[in-house]
Protein backbone atom coordinates (compact mmCIF):
# COMPACT_ATOMS: atom_id res chain seq x y z
CA MET A 1 0.06 -0.08 -0.03
CA LYS A 2 1.45 3.45 -0.93
CA LEU A 3 -0.09 6.63 0.53
CA VAL A 4 -0.06 10.32 -0.61
CA PHE A 5 -1.16 13.25 1.01
CA ILE A 6 -4.15 15.75 0.04
CA THR A 7 -4.94 18.80 1.47
CA CYS A 8 -8.91 19.75 0.88
CA GLU A 9 -9.36 23.16 -0.67
CA ARG A 10 -12.85 23.51 1.05
CA CYS A 11 -11.48 23.28 4.80
CA GLY A 12 -7.70 22.93 4.62
CA LYS A 13 -7.58 19.61 6.35
CA THR A 14 -4.66 17.43 5.33
CA PHE A 15 -5.21 13.78 5.20
CA TYR A 16 -3.87 10.80 3.39
CA CYS A 17 -5.41 8.24 0.97
CA GLU A 18 -4.00 4.94 -0.74
CA THR A 19 -2.63 5.59 -4.20
CA LEU A 20 -5.41 2.90 -5.52
CA LEU A 21 -8.05 5.62 -4.95
CA THR A 22 -5.71 8.23 -7.18
CA ASP A 23 -4.68 5.86 -9.56
CA ASN A 24 -8.16 4.69 -10.61
CA ARG A 25 -9.37 8.42 -10.55
CA LEU A 26 -11.96 7.98 -7.70
CA PRO A 27 -13.44 10.75 -5.57
CA LEU A 28 -11.85 11.41 -2.16
CA HIS A 29 -13.85 11.88 1.03
CA CYS A 30 -12.48 14.57 3.18
CA PRO A 31 -12.77 13.47 6.88
CA GLY A 32 -12.64 17.49 8.00
CA CYS A 33 -15.97 18.54 6.20
CA ASP A 34 -17.39 15.33 4.90
CA THR A 35 -17.35 16.38 1.34
CA TYR A 36 -15.99 14.36 -1.86
CA ILE A 37 -13.29 15.74 -3.88
CA ASP A 38 -13.23 15.02 -7.64
CA HIS A 39 -9.95 13.66 -9.40
CA ALA A 40 -9.62 16.94 -11.50
CA ASP A 41 -9.38 18.82 -8.35
CA TYR A 42 -6.67 16.73 -6.56
CA ILE A 43 -4.73 15.46 -9.27
CA GLY A 44 -2.11 18.49 -8.85
CA GLN A 45 -1.71 17.57 -5.19
CA VAL A 46 -0.66 13.91 -5.96
CA GLY A 47 3.03 13.70 -5.80
CA PRO A 48 5.62 10.58 -4.69
CA SER A 49 4.06 8.22 -1.92
CA VAL A 50 5.44 8.34 1.19
CA SER A 51 5.12 4.93 2.71
CA SER A 52 4.43 1.54 1.44
CA ALA A 53 3.07 -1.85 2.87
CA LEU A 54 2.15 -5.05 1.14
CA THR A 55 -1.45 -5.60 0.28
CA ARG A 56 -3.25 -8.71 -0.74
CA ILE A 57 -6.13 -7.87 -2.73
CA ARG A 58 -7.19 -10.76 -4.63
CA LYS A 59 -9.38 -9.32 -7.21
CA PRO A 60 -8.77 -6.61 -9.68
CA LEU A 61 -9.84 -3.17 -8.62
CA ASN A 62 -12.43 -1.83 -10.97
CA GLU A 63 -15.77 -0.34 -11.05
CA ALA A 64 -17.34 -3.70 -10.36
CA THR A 65 -15.47 -4.74 -7.42
CA ILE A 66 -14.78 -1.28 -5.96
CA PRO A 67 -18.05 -1.69 -3.61
CA GLU A 68 -16.49 -5.09 -2.42
CA ILE A 69 -12.88 -4.01 -1.72
CA LEU A 70 -13.36 -0.44 -0.64
CA TYR A 71 -15.25 1.47 1.77
CA MET A 72 -17.02 4.42 0.02
CA PRO A 73 -19.39 6.48 2.40
CA GLU A 74 -22.70 7.31 0.94
CA LYS A 75 -23.05 10.96 -0.19
CA LYS A 76 -25.35 13.10 1.88
CA GLY A 77 -27.71 14.74 -0.27
C-alpha cells in the first residue's frame, strides 16, 4: 500500500489516502468537512508516495469490484 497526502481546498484539512484511489481516479472523501473531492481537483497534489506496505487484494480493482473492496461512504444529499 502506498499513501499520498491531500489537502482539502474547502476546509484545509490534510489527510492521507491510498494510491489505488488516486490511480483509479476515484473521488476522495475529506474527513474534515465530509465532502468529496473529484479527481480533477486533487490530481495536482498527487506526488510521490510516502510509505508502502504489502497489500493482498485478490481481485482486480475496477468499477464492479470497488464496492466489495473499498469502503465508500454514502453521499449526503
